[in-house]
Every structure is written in structure tokens, then in C-alpha cells.
């Protein structure tokens, strides 16, 4: 089944991107890790950037100096969505620089 989609974000290097401040249907996240270290791309169900220590809905590894992308097996309904770059998997540990590009694809 095909869904109408919209892309949020651009090629600006950022530490996080608020994708939606209200209900959304996340289909995929993609971008480029511009650092010399592996990082984790975290999805938080929040309308603003979370503080260090926040627990994400899920995290995905992004290899150093490489593009990353992941599509969800089914769209994920979220009350809000912020994507962050973290140096740790389980909780947010914000990366100090502007490490990555972040684009999100929303369904509907």
C-alpha cells in the first residue's frame, strides 16, 4: 500500500531536528553522519529537543562519515517526534558539534 508522504528536514548539519510538534506517522529517517565516530540516531516522542539522559523510543547506529537510512516496517504513530544524534544507544548523550543531517519521511 502506498501512502502520501512529506519530507521534513534538509542537508543542514544539526544535533537534533524537531520533526513534528503534534501527531505524526513516521515512515523513515535518513541523513549523513558527518563525524569521525559512530553515533546513534534516536527517535524521541517529544515536541522539543530532549535533555541528556532521555530514553528514546528507538535508536539506530549510524557509522562514521557515512550516510544512514532506515525505513520502519510499518509507519509508527507518534504524538510528536524529535530526532537526535547521540553518542550512546540507550539514553541521549548529545554530541557537542553539529554532527549529522537529518531528514524524516512522514506518511499521510
C-alpha atoms as a PDB file:
ATOM      1  CA  UNK A   1       0.000   0.000   0.000  1.00  0.00           C
ATOM      2  CA  UNK A   2       1.305   3.441  -0.871  1.00  0.00           C
ATOM      3  CA  UNK A   3       0.892   6.398   1.433  1.00  0.00           C
ATOM      4  CA  UNK A   4       1.216  10.067   0.531  1.00  0.00           C
ATOM      5  CA  UNK A   5       4.431  11.302   2.138  1.00  0.00           C
ATOM      6  CA  UNK A   6       6.192  14.510   3.086  1.00  0.00           C
ATOM      7  CA  UNK A   7       9.847  15.098   3.866  1.00  0.00           C
ATOM      8  CA  UNK A   8      10.884  17.133   6.905  1.00  0.00           C
ATOM      9  CA  UNK A   9      14.446  18.461   7.081  1.00  0.00           C
ATOM     10  CA  UNK A  10      17.284  19.344   4.747  1.00  0.00           C
ATOM     11  CA  UNK A  11      21.058  18.979   4.381  1.00  0.00           C
ATOM     12  CA  UNK A  12      21.919  21.317   7.273  1.00  0.00           C
ATOM     13  CA  UNK A  13      24.229  19.715   9.856  1.00  0.00           C
ATOM     14  CA  UNK A  14      22.388  19.556  13.200  1.00  0.00           C
ATOM     15  CA  UNK A  15      22.411  17.805  16.583  1.00  0.00           C
ATOM     16  CA  UNK A  16      18.621  17.294  16.523  1.00  0.00           C
ATOM     17  CA  UNK A  17      15.583  18.070  14.428  1.00  0.00           C
ATOM     18  CA  UNK A  18      12.024  18.600  15.630  1.00  0.00           C
ATOM     19  CA  UNK A  19      10.056  16.693  13.013  1.00  0.00           C
ATOM     20  CA  UNK A  20       6.576  17.320  14.387  1.00  0.00           C
ATOM     21  CA  UNK A  21       5.104  19.034  17.444  1.00  0.00           C
ATOM     22  CA  UNK A  22       1.835  17.118  17.074  1.00  0.00           C
ATOM     23  CA  UNK A  23       0.619  13.691  15.957  1.00  0.00           C
ATOM     24  CA  UNK A  24       2.556  12.255  13.018  1.00  0.00           C
ATOM     25  CA  UNK A  25       3.167   8.953  11.244  1.00  0.00           C
ATOM     26  CA  UNK A  26       6.906   8.322  10.892  1.00  0.00           C
ATOM     27  CA  UNK A  27       7.871   6.121   7.928  1.00  0.00           C
ATOM     28  CA  UNK A  28      11.651   6.589   7.620  1.00  0.00           C
ATOM     29  CA  UNK A  29      14.680   8.602   8.724  1.00  0.00           C
ATOM     30  CA  UNK A  30      17.767   9.285   6.640  1.00  0.00           C
ATOM     31  CA  UNK A  31      20.790  11.550   6.554  1.00  0.00           C
ATOM     32  CA  UNK A  32      24.565  11.609   6.815  1.00  0.00           C
ATOM     33  CA  UNK A  33      26.786  11.143   9.871  1.00  0.00           C
ATOM     34  CA  UNK A  34      29.481  13.769   9.294  1.00  0.00           C
ATOM     35  CA  UNK A  35      31.668  12.791  12.273  1.00  0.00           C
ATOM     36  CA  UNK A  36      34.712  10.539  12.622  1.00  0.00           C
ATOM     37  CA  UNK A  37      32.800   8.434  15.185  1.00  0.00           C
ATOM     38  CA  UNK A  38      29.859   6.079  15.016  1.00  0.00           C
ATOM     39  CA  UNK A  39      26.746   7.688  16.541  1.00  0.00           C
ATOM     40  CA  UNK A  40      23.167   6.678  17.266  1.00  0.00           C
ATOM     41  CA  UNK A  41      20.180   8.280  15.608  1.00  0.00           C
ATOM     42  CA  UNK A  42      17.434   8.389  18.229  1.00  0.00           C
ATOM     43  CA  UNK A  43      13.703   8.890  17.816  1.00  0.00           C
ATOM     44  CA  UNK A  44      12.044  10.648  20.761  1.00  0.00           C
ATOM     45  CA  UNK A  45       8.287  11.100  21.121  1.00  0.00           C
ATOM     46  CA  UNK A  46       8.688  14.733  22.156  1.00  0.00           C
ATOM     47  CA  UNK A  47       7.778  18.099  20.646  1.00  0.00           C
ATOM     48  CA  UNK A  48      11.151  19.654  21.552  1.00  0.00           C
ATOM     49  CA  UNK A  49      14.759  18.561  21.906  1.00  0.00           C
ATOM     50  CA  UNK A  50      15.136  16.303  24.951  1.00  0.00           C
ATOM     51  CA  UNK A  51      17.709  16.681  27.712  1.00  0.00           C
ATOM     52  CA  UNK A  52      20.660  14.355  28.148  1.00  0.00           C
ATOM     53  CA  UNK A  53      19.550  11.118  29.758  1.00  0.00           C
ATOM     54  CA  UNK A  54      16.204  10.974  27.933  1.00  0.00           C
ATOM     55  CA  UNK A  55      15.212   7.471  26.797  1.00  0.00           C
ATOM     56  CA  UNK A  56      14.339   7.263  23.097  1.00  0.00           C
ATOM     57  CA  UNK A  57      11.529   5.217  21.542  1.00  0.00           C
ATOM     58  CA  UNK A  58      14.311   3.589  19.473  1.00  0.00           C
ATOM     59  CA  UNK A  59      17.934   4.096  18.382  1.00  0.00           C
ATOM     60  CA  UNK A  60      19.745   3.124  15.194  1.00  0.00           C
ATOM     61  CA  UNK A  61      23.504   3.025  14.613  1.00  0.00           C
ATOM     62  CA  UNK A  62      24.968   5.458  12.050  1.00  0.00           C
ATOM     63  CA  UNK A  63      28.526   4.660  11.007  1.00  0.00           C
ATOM     64  CA  UNK A  64      31.242   7.353  10.941  1.00  0.00           C
ATOM     65  CA  UNK A  65      31.422   9.572   7.851  1.00  0.00           C
ATOM     66  CA  UNK A  66      28.607   7.656   6.170  1.00  0.00           C
ATOM     67  CA  UNK A  67      25.047   8.059   5.007  1.00  0.00           C
ATOM     68  CA  UNK A  68      22.381   6.284   7.048  1.00  0.00           C
ATOM     69  CA  UNK A  69      18.779   5.396   6.389  1.00  0.00           C
ATOM     70  CA  UNK A  70      16.162   3.210   7.938  1.00  0.00           C
ATOM     71  CA  UNK A  71      12.578   2.585   6.999  1.00  0.00           C
ATOM     72  CA  UNK A  72      10.154   1.283   9.571  1.00  0.00           C
ATOM     73  CA  UNK A  73       8.388  -1.984   8.703  1.00  0.00           C
ATOM     74  CA  UNK A  74       5.110  -0.135   9.292  1.00  0.00           C
ATOM     75  CA  UNK A  75       4.502   3.542   9.924  1.00  0.00           C
ATOM     76  CA  UNK A  76       4.951   4.488  13.572  1.00  0.00           C
ATOM     77  CA  UNK A  77       2.237   6.680  15.098  1.00  0.00           C
ATOM     78  CA  UNK A  78       3.771   9.279  17.411  1.00  0.00           C
ATOM     79  CA  UNK A  79       2.224  12.114  19.440  1.00  0.00           C
ATOM     80  CA  UNK A  80       5.246  14.257  18.445  1.00  0.00           C
ATOM     81  CA  UNK A  81       8.681  13.492  17.015  1.00  0.00           C
ATOM     82  CA  UNK A  82      12.212  14.751  17.531  1.00  0.00           C
ATOM     83  CA  UNK A  83      15.226  13.006  16.005  1.00  0.00           C
ATOM     84  CA  UNK A  84      18.534  13.372  17.878  1.00  0.00           C
ATOM     85  CA  UNK A  85      22.164  12.388  17.410  1.00  0.00           C
ATOM     86  CA  UNK A  86      23.628  10.610  20.451  1.00  0.00           C
ATOM     87  CA  UNK A  87      26.961   9.058  21.307  1.00  0.00           C
ATOM     88  CA  UNK A  88      25.186   6.348  23.339  1.00  0.00           C
ATOM     89  CA  UNK A  89      22.495   3.810  22.490  1.00  0.00           C
ATOM     90  CA  UNK A  90      20.126   3.605  25.454  1.00  0.00           C
ATOM     91  CA  UNK A  91      19.840   7.249  26.531  1.00  0.00           C
ATOM     92  CA  UNK A  92      20.554  10.590  24.913  1.00  0.00           C
ATOM     93  CA  UNK A  93      24.114  11.802  25.249  1.00  0.00           C
ATOM     94  CA  UNK A  94      24.118  14.783  22.924  1.00  0.00           C
ATOM     95  CA  UNK A  95      27.037  15.199  20.550  1.00  0.00           C
ATOM     96  CA  UNK A  96      28.617  18.636  21.053  1.00  0.00           C
ATOM     97  CA  UNK A  97      29.183  19.589  17.413  1.00  0.00           C
ATOM     98  CA  UNK A  98      26.691  19.663  14.538  1.00  0.00           C
ATOM     99  CA  UNK A  99      27.287  16.069  13.542  1.00  0.00           C
ATOM    100  CA  UNK A 100      24.696  14.985  11.026  1.00  0.00           C
ATOM    101  CA  UNK A 101      21.993  15.783   8.551  1.00  0.00           C
ATOM    102  CA  UNK A 102      18.536  14.551   9.489  1.00  0.00           C
ATOM    103  CA  UNK A 103      15.582  14.096   7.183  1.00  0.00           C
ATOM    104  CA  UNK A 104      12.369  12.337   8.192  1.00  0.00           C
ATOM    105  CA  UNK A 105       9.683  10.946   5.932  1.00  0.00           C
ATOM    106  CA  UNK A 106       6.176  11.151   7.307  1.00  0.00           C
ATOM    107  CA  UNK A 107       3.227   9.188   5.940  1.00  0.00           C
ATOM    108  CA  UNK A 108      -0.135  10.799   5.399  1.00  0.00           C
END
